[in-house]
Amino acid sequence: MKHVVVIGCGVVGAMIAYELSQISALQVTVLDRQPPAQAATGAALGVLMGIISQKTKGRAWAMRQASIRRYRTLLPELEADGQQLTWNRQGILKLCFANEDLERWQELATLRQQQGWQLELWSPAQVQAHCPQIDSSAITAAIYSPQDYQVDPTALTLALVNAAQQRGVSFHFDADVQTLVASQPHYCEQVVTSVGSVSADWLVIAAGLGSTPLTACLGQTVPTHAVLGQAMRVRLPQPLGDQTFQPVITGNDIHIVPVADHEYWVGATVEFPVDQAPIVADSEQLTAVWQGAIDLCPALADATILKTWTGLRPRPQNRAAPIVEPLAGYANVFLATGHYRNGVLLAPATAQLVRSALETHDFTDSESR
């Protein structure tokens, strides 16, 4: 039985562990220095913008489509297994303004129909009819994607961990990885942690921003930089608009996400690094996001802010996100990192790529090790 070590237990690492737990020939161990769903996962809104994405070809679209298809089976699968999840099946409504290319959206809707998916273009009048909480005076149209979901990232990650544990995966949440040891050329055999060393036939690095220093242990550079997202959770006296129709609303890169009990998340990715300087959360940026949300849905002005939070997302430098590939120069190390704003969305496709790599790998050379 081959031993796979996964470093990182955000939503991507947990998804990989769950996917690999279905291969009986593998023993899987997940290492993290902190409990699951921290860092970027703990500060994600879980808006799965797959069908509504303007990506139409290549890996970017293939991963989105694969993930949305997998979510359609995965979420009921986890619930049937007794796991607790929170997810919204009422779609995503993207608001369009004066500078929006509506012809491009119409072309996308036609393409999605050919691909077997659904997108709807709504007039301002239709927006008002379905979502009266929206100030439609400035919008020119809206795009409704009924087949895109929103899922609570923390609940999803914990569900994946619980389900993977039931299938025999071992998790260690006090294991700070200190170095990686390649005792033979092109082959990493040992993961040295604060609580001891672990041998590995395969190593999967899914540690988000922590992936870069880990690859440096093996003489490789996989540069990423941090991008800050900020959000708040608010409560209203009553639900926005129609209580029976509560989609995610997004406009001007601000997301308004229904949660439960008249509560909503409001957030956006608002800060990027400048000249490699450390990112510090800026309350003025969060205030601007909040005001932007009120401009979209004026009733939010009556909300009570329950809490605010921030999170850093790993964005690859000088290349497209995410980084899902073997580590250059190593036969048994696979990278699953740099997902930027789409870690929750692309986690299923990432896990499928990792599983495919391990299932198709010829372990003949490692049998004698």
Protein backbone atom coordinates (compact mmCIF):
# COMPACT_ATOMS: atom_id res chain seq x y z
CA MET A 1 0.00 0.00 0.00
CA LYS A 2 1.40 3.36 -1.01
CA HIS A 3 1.47 6.25 1.45
CA VAL A 4 0.28 9.69 0.26
CA VAL A 5 1.02 12.68 2.48
CA VAL A 6 -1.06 15.82 1.91
CA ILE A 7 0.25 19.05 3.44
CA GLY A 8 -2.53 21.53 4.15
CA CYS A 9 -6.12 21.08 5.29
CA GLY A 10 -8.00 23.95 3.82
CA VAL A 11 -10.83 23.09 1.46
CA VAL A 12 -8.39 21.99 -1.27
CA GLY A 13 -6.39 19.64 0.98
CA ALA A 14 -9.56 18.22 2.53
CA MET A 15 -11.11 17.65 -0.90
CA ILE A 16 -7.98 15.85 -2.08
CA ALA A 17 -7.99 13.66 1.02
CA TYR A 18 -11.64 12.74 0.49
CA GLU A 19 -11.09 11.94 -3.18
CA LEU A 20 -8.01 9.81 -2.47
CA SER A 21 -9.81 7.99 0.36
CA GLN A 22 -11.80 6.21 -2.33
CA ILE A 23 -8.66 4.44 -3.62
CA SER A 24 -8.21 1.33 -1.51
CA ALA A 25 -4.56 0.92 -2.51
CA LEU A 26 -3.58 4.20 -0.86
CA GLN A 27 -2.90 5.15 2.74
CA VAL A 28 -3.51 8.88 3.15
CA THR A 29 -2.18 11.22 5.85
CA VAL A 30 -3.00 14.93 6.05
CA LEU A 31 -0.71 17.31 7.95
CA ASP A 32 -1.45 20.84 9.11
CA ARG A 33 -0.17 23.05 11.88
CA GLN A 34 -3.67 24.28 12.73
CA PRO A 35 -7.27 23.02 12.66
CA PRO A 36 -9.00 22.58 9.29
CA ALA A 37 -10.58 25.43 7.33
CA GLN A 38 -8.29 28.17 8.60
CA ALA A 39 -6.40 30.76 6.51
CA ALA A 40 -7.92 31.38 3.05
CA THR A 41 -10.71 28.80 3.47
CA GLY A 42 -11.86 30.33 6.73
CA ALA A 43 -12.22 33.71 5.03
CA ALA A 44 -13.94 32.57 1.83
CA LEU A 45 -17.55 33.22 0.86
CA GLY A 46 -17.93 29.97 -1.07
CA VAL A 47 -19.52 31.55 -4.16
CA LEU A 48 -19.09 28.97 -6.94
CA MET A 49 -18.93 31.15 -10.05
CA GLY A 50 -18.50 28.40 -12.59
CA ILE A 51 -21.18 28.57 -15.27
CA ILE A 52 -21.37 32.35 -14.96
CA SER A 53 -17.61 32.68 -15.47
CA GLN A 54 -16.46 34.19 -18.76
CA LYS A 55 -13.94 31.34 -19.10
CA THR A 56 -14.98 29.32 -22.15
CA LYS A 57 -12.10 27.06 -23.16
CA GLY A 58 -8.89 25.41 -22.07
CA ARG A 59 -8.00 24.36 -18.55
CA ALA A 60 -9.73 27.38 -16.99
CA TRP A 61 -13.15 26.29 -18.25
CA ALA A 62 -12.49 22.56 -17.98
CA MET A 63 -11.74 22.84 -14.25
CA ARG A 64 -14.78 25.00 -13.59
CA GLN A 65 -17.10 22.66 -15.45
CA ALA A 66 -15.62 19.59 -13.78
CA SER A 67 -16.02 21.17 -10.35
CA ILE A 68 -19.64 22.23 -10.86
CA ARG A 69 -20.48 18.74 -12.11
CA ARG A 70 -18.78 17.18 -9.11
CA TYR A 71 -20.51 19.51 -6.66
CA ARG A 72 -23.88 18.41 -8.04
CA THR A 73 -23.13 14.88 -6.82
CA LEU A 74 -20.71 15.60 -3.97
CA LEU A 75 -22.95 17.73 -1.76
CA PRO A 76 -25.87 15.23 -1.73
CA GLU A 77 -23.29 12.45 -1.30
CA LEU A 78 -21.88 14.06 1.84
CA GLU A 79 -25.34 14.78 3.24
CA ALA A 80 -26.38 11.17 2.63
CA ASP A 81 -23.28 10.20 4.60
CA GLY A 82 -24.60 12.18 7.57
CA GLN A 83 -22.37 15.23 7.16
CA GLN A 84 -23.67 18.68 8.04
CA LEU A 85 -23.56 21.20 5.18
CA THR A 86 -24.93 24.64 4.40
CA TRP A 87 -25.41 25.38 0.72
CA ASN A 88 -27.55 27.63 -1.44
CA ARG A 89 -29.08 26.13 -4.59
CA GLN A 90 -30.84 29.29 -5.77
CA GLY A 91 -28.08 30.44 -8.06
CA ILE A 92 -26.08 33.61 -8.64
CA LEU A 93 -27.39 36.92 -9.95
CA LYS A 94 -24.74 39.19 -11.46
CA LEU A 95 -25.74 42.83 -11.90
CA CYS A 96 -24.58 44.66 -15.04
CA PHE A 97 -23.97 48.38 -15.34
CA ALA A 98 -23.50 50.90 -18.15
CA ASN A 99 -20.02 49.76 -19.16
CA GLU A 100 -21.02 46.07 -19.42
CA ASP A 101 -20.78 44.31 -22.78
CA LEU A 102 -24.22 42.67 -22.90
CA GLU A 103 -23.58 41.20 -26.32
CA ARG A 104 -20.72 39.23 -24.81
CA TRP A 105 -23.04 37.88 -22.14
CA GLN A 106 -25.62 36.90 -24.73
CA GLU A 107 -22.92 35.01 -26.64
CA LEU A 108 -21.90 33.27 -23.42
CA ALA A 109 -25.50 32.29 -22.69
CA THR A 110 -25.77 30.76 -26.16
CA LEU A 111 -22.50 28.88 -25.70
CA ARG A 112 -23.50 27.60 -22.27
CA GLN A 113 -26.75 26.27 -23.74
CA GLN A 114 -24.73 24.38 -26.35
CA GLN A 115 -22.56 23.01 -23.52
CA GLY A 116 -25.63 21.84 -21.62
CA TRP A 117 -25.79 24.66 -19.07
CA GLN A 118 -28.17 27.54 -18.46
CA LEU A 119 -27.70 31.32 -18.21
CA GLU A 120 -30.50 33.88 -18.34
CA LEU A 121 -30.28 37.57 -19.27
CA TRP A 122 -32.71 39.64 -17.22
CA SER A 123 -33.91 43.18 -17.92
CA PRO A 124 -34.01 45.71 -15.05
CA ALA A 125 -37.76 45.08 -14.85
CA GLN A 126 -37.20 41.36 -14.41
CA VAL A 127 -34.60 42.06 -11.72
CA GLN A 128 -37.12 44.18 -9.84
CA ALA A 129 -39.80 41.51 -10.18
CA HIS A 130 -37.56 38.74 -8.81
CA CYS A 131 -35.36 40.74 -6.41
CA PRO A 132 -37.14 43.94 -5.31
CA GLN A 133 -34.38 44.62 -2.76
CA ILE A 134 -32.03 45.67 -5.59
CA ASP A 135 -31.76 49.29 -6.66
CA SER A 136 -32.23 48.81 -10.39
CA SER A 137 -31.86 52.48 -11.33
CA ALA A 138 -28.21 52.08 -12.32
CA ILE A 139 -28.26 48.59 -13.79
CA THR A 140 -28.69 47.82 -17.47
CA ALA A 141 -29.32 44.09 -17.10
CA ALA A 142 -28.45 41.10 -14.97
CA ILE A 143 -27.18 37.59 -15.60
CA TYR A 144 -28.88 34.80 -13.66
CA SER A 145 -27.06 31.49 -13.30
CA PRO A 146 -29.41 28.95 -11.69
CA GLN A 147 -26.88 26.10 -11.79
CA ASP A 148 -24.12 27.81 -9.82
CA TYR A 149 -24.11 27.24 -6.06
CA GLN A 150 -22.84 28.80 -2.88
CA VAL A 151 -21.55 26.63 -0.06
CA ASP A 152 -20.26 27.37 3.43
CA PRO A 153 -16.50 26.67 3.03
CA THR A 154 -15.87 25.84 6.68
CA ALA A 155 -18.80 23.43 6.94
CA LEU A 156 -17.77 21.82 3.66
CA THR A 157 -14.17 21.36 4.78
CA LEU A 158 -15.20 19.83 8.10
CA ALA A 159 -17.63 17.51 6.31
CA LEU A 160 -14.86 16.36 3.96
CA VAL A 161 -12.52 15.75 6.90
CA ASN A 162 -15.13 13.74 8.79
CA ALA A 163 -16.03 11.67 5.74
CA ALA A 164 -12.39 11.05 4.86
CA GLN A 165 -11.64 9.99 8.46
CA GLN A 166 -14.46 7.46 8.26
CA ARG A 167 -12.73 6.07 5.17
CA GLY A 168 -9.42 5.67 6.98
CA VAL A 169 -7.57 8.93 6.29
CA SER A 170 -5.34 10.13 9.17
CA PHE A 171 -5.31 13.82 10.07
CA HIS A 172 -2.73 15.58 12.26
CA PHE A 173 -3.54 19.19 13.09
CA ASP A 174 -0.53 19.91 15.32
CA ALA A 175 2.08 19.03 12.72
CA ASP A 176 4.06 22.10 11.65
CA VAL A 177 6.06 20.98 8.62
CA GLN A 178 9.66 22.10 9.14
CA THR A 179 11.39 20.67 6.09
CA LEU A 180 11.15 18.15 3.28
CA VAL A 181 13.91 15.63 2.73
CA ALA A 182 14.90 14.24 -0.66
CA SER A 183 17.34 11.47 0.19
CA GLN A 184 17.49 10.38 -3.44
CA PRO A 185 17.53 12.57 -6.56
CA HIS A 186 14.09 13.64 -7.78
CA TYR A 187 12.31 11.84 -4.95
CA CYS A 188 11.03 13.30 -1.66
CA GLU A 189 10.87 10.58 0.98
CA GLN A 190 10.50 12.35 4.32
CA VAL A 191 8.31 15.11 5.72
CA VAL A 192 9.84 16.45 8.93
CA THR A 193 7.30 18.03 11.28
CA SER A 194 7.28 19.47 14.79
CA VAL A 195 5.88 16.16 16.06
CA GLY A 196 8.10 13.77 14.11
CA SER A 197 8.95 12.59 10.61
CA VAL A 198 6.59 10.96 8.14
CA SER A 199 7.64 8.80 5.20
CA ALA A 200 5.92 9.37 1.88
CA ASP A 201 5.62 7.57 -1.44
CA TRP A 202 3.70 10.58 -2.77
CA LEU A 203 3.64 14.13 -1.45
CA VAL A 204 0.85 16.59 -2.28
CA ILE A 205 1.52 20.21 -1.33
CA ALA A 206 -1.79 22.02 -0.81
CA ALA A 207 -0.70 24.58 1.75
CA GLY A 208 -1.80 27.80 0.06
CA LEU A 209 0.64 30.59 0.83
CA GLY A 210 2.68 28.10 2.85
CA SER A 211 3.43 26.12 -0.31
CA THR A 212 6.20 28.44 -1.49
CA PRO A 213 8.57 27.87 1.46
CA LEU A 214 7.89 24.13 1.26
CA THR A 215 8.95 23.93 -2.39
CA ALA A 216 12.04 25.93 -1.47
CA CYS A 217 13.06 23.01 0.77
CA LEU A 218 13.34 20.97 -2.43
CA GLY A 219 15.29 23.61 -4.32
CA GLN A 220 12.32 24.82 -6.36
CA THR A 221 10.62 28.20 -6.48
CA VAL A 222 6.86 28.40 -6.86
CA PRO A 223 6.21 32.08 -6.17
CA THR A 224 2.83 33.29 -4.95
CA HIS A 225 1.77 36.52 -3.35
CA ALA A 226 -1.01 37.31 -0.93
CA VAL A 227 -4.20 39.07 -1.94
CA LEU A 228 -6.46 40.27 0.85
CA GLY A 229 -10.19 39.71 1.01
CA GLN A 230 -12.47 41.36 3.56
CA ALA A 231 -16.02 40.58 4.55
CA MET A 232 -18.64 41.07 7.22
CA ARG A 233 -21.60 39.15 8.52
CA VAL A 234 -24.76 41.18 9.05
CA ARG A 235 -28.31 40.63 10.30
CA LEU A 236 -31.48 42.30 9.09
CA PRO A 237 -34.93 42.56 10.72
CA GLN A 238 -36.27 40.56 7.77
CA PRO A 239 -34.86 38.89 4.64
CA LEU A 240 -33.95 40.99 1.65
CA GLY A 241 -36.67 40.91 -1.00
CA ASP A 242 -38.59 37.70 -1.58
CA GLN A 243 -37.97 35.26 1.26
CA THR A 244 -38.51 32.31 -1.10
CA PHE A 245 -35.90 33.48 -3.62
CA GLN A 246 -32.53 34.27 -2.08
CA PRO A 247 -29.76 33.94 -4.68
CA VAL A 248 -26.24 35.25 -4.23
CA ILE A 249 -26.12 38.81 -5.60
CA THR A 250 -22.90 40.14 -7.05
CA GLY A 251 -22.13 43.49 -8.59
CA ASN A 252 -19.02 45.65 -8.91
CA ASP A 253 -17.06 42.67 -7.50
CA ILE A 254 -19.05 42.82 -4.25
CA HIS A 255 -20.89 39.69 -3.11
CA ILE A 256 -24.05 39.65 -0.99
CA VAL A 257 -24.52 36.09 0.24
CA PRO A 258 -27.63 34.85 2.09
CA VAL A 259 -26.71 32.76 5.11
CA ALA A 260 -29.62 32.04 7.47
CA ASP A 261 -32.01 33.72 9.92
CA HIS A 262 -32.01 37.03 8.03
CA GLU A 263 -28.21 37.02 7.98
CA TYR A 264 -25.90 37.79 5.05
CA TRP A 265 -22.20 37.84 4.25
CA VAL A 266 -20.99 40.90 2.38
CA GLY A 267 -17.47 40.84 1.01
CA ALA A 268 -14.94 41.32 -1.74
CA THR A 269 -11.27 40.95 -2.63
CA VAL A 270 -10.07 44.48 -2.05
CA GLU A 271 -6.32 44.73 -1.58
CA PHE A 272 -3.36 43.65 -3.65
CA PRO A 273 0.35 43.79 -2.78
CA VAL A 274 2.31 46.88 -3.75
CA ASP A 275 6.06 46.51 -4.32
CA GLN A 276 6.08 43.32 -2.23
CA ALA A 277 5.05 45.27 0.88
CA PRO A 278 3.11 43.31 3.53
CA ILE A 279 -0.66 43.62 3.25
CA VAL A 280 -2.43 45.14 6.21
CA ALA A 281 -6.21 45.14 6.42
CA ASP A 282 -7.58 48.61 5.71
CA SER A 283 -10.83 49.48 7.46
CA GLU A 284 -11.51 52.17 4.87
CA GLN A 285 -11.52 49.50 2.16
CA LEU A 286 -14.07 47.44 4.10
CA THR A 287 -16.17 50.56 4.61
CA ALA A 288 -16.10 51.11 0.85
CA VAL A 289 -17.23 47.52 0.27
CA TRP A 290 -20.07 47.99 2.75
CA GLN A 291 -21.19 51.23 1.12
CA GLY A 292 -21.02 49.57 -2.28
CA ALA A 293 -23.27 46.78 -1.01
CA ILE A 294 -25.78 49.31 0.31
CA ASP A 295 -25.78 51.00 -3.08
CA LEU A 296 -26.80 47.66 -4.60
CA CYS A 297 -29.33 46.78 -1.90
CA PRO A 298 -30.37 49.89 0.07
CA ALA A 299 -32.17 47.82 2.73
CA LEU A 300 -28.75 46.71 3.99
CA ALA A 301 -28.46 50.14 5.63
CA ASP A 302 -30.74 48.78 8.36
CA ALA A 303 -28.49 45.79 9.06
CA THR A 304 -26.57 45.12 12.24
CA ILE A 305 -22.94 44.17 11.66
CA LEU A 306 -22.24 40.98 13.62
CA LYS A 307 -18.57 40.50 12.80
CA THR A 308 -15.90 41.28 10.24
CA TRP A 309 -13.03 39.14 9.01
CA THR A 310 -10.13 39.14 6.59
CA GLY A 311 -8.17 36.49 4.77
CA LEU A 312 -5.18 36.19 2.47
CA ARG A 313 -5.57 34.30 -0.81
CA PRO A 314 -2.54 32.84 -2.66
CA ARG A 315 -2.17 34.19 -6.19
CA PRO A 316 0.59 32.83 -8.45
CA GLN A 317 3.11 35.32 -9.78
CA ASN A 318 3.53 35.64 -13.54
CA ARG A 319 1.24 32.72 -14.37
CA ALA A 320 -2.39 31.72 -14.34
CA ALA A 321 -4.09 30.37 -11.23
CA PRO A 322 -4.19 27.69 -9.93
CA ILE A 323 -0.97 25.67 -9.80
CA VAL A 324 -2.04 22.04 -10.13
CA GLU A 325 0.87 20.03 -11.52
CA PRO A 326 3.91 17.91 -10.59
CA LEU A 327 6.75 19.81 -8.95
CA ALA A 328 9.50 20.30 -11.50
CA GLY A 329 12.34 17.85 -11.00
CA TYR A 330 10.45 15.48 -8.70
CA ALA A 331 8.76 12.21 -9.59
CA ASN A 332 6.54 12.00 -6.51
CA VAL A 333 5.64 15.58 -5.54
CA PHE A 334 2.43 17.21 -6.76
CA LEU A 335 1.38 20.84 -6.29
CA ALA A 336 -2.21 21.90 -5.60
CA THR A 337 -1.97 25.54 -4.64
CA GLY A 338 -2.30 29.14 -5.83
CA HIS A 339 -6.07 29.05 -6.34
CA TYR A 340 -6.44 32.81 -5.71
CA ARG A 341 -10.18 33.58 -5.33
CA ASN A 342 -11.37 30.20 -6.58
CA GLY A 343 -10.17 27.68 -4.03
CA VAL A 344 -13.65 26.52 -3.04
CA LEU A 345 -14.88 26.51 -6.63
CA LEU A 346 -11.92 24.57 -8.05
CA ALA A 347 -11.30 22.18 -5.15
CA PRO A 348 -13.22 19.24 -6.71
CA ALA A 349 -11.46 19.53 -10.09
CA THR A 350 -8.11 19.88 -8.31
CA ALA A 351 -8.77 16.72 -6.31
CA GLN A 352 -9.73 14.86 -9.49
CA LEU A 353 -6.49 15.92 -11.18
CA VAL A 354 -4.45 14.75 -8.18
CA ARG A 355 -6.31 11.44 -8.09
CA SER A 356 -5.78 10.93 -11.82
CA ALA A 357 -2.05 11.64 -11.46
CA LEU A 358 -1.69 9.06 -8.70
CA GLU A 359 -3.84 6.43 -10.38
CA THR A 360 -1.96 6.66 -13.67
CA HIS A 361 1.51 6.87 -12.10
CA ASP A 362 3.77 3.86 -12.56
CA PHE A 363 5.03 2.96 -9.09
CA THR A 364 7.43 0.32 -10.41
CA ASP A 365 10.48 2.39 -9.56
CA SER A 366 9.28 2.94 -6.02
CA GLU A 367 8.52 -0.71 -5.24
CA SER A 368 12.13 -1.35 -4.20
CA ARG A 369 12.45 1.80 -2.08
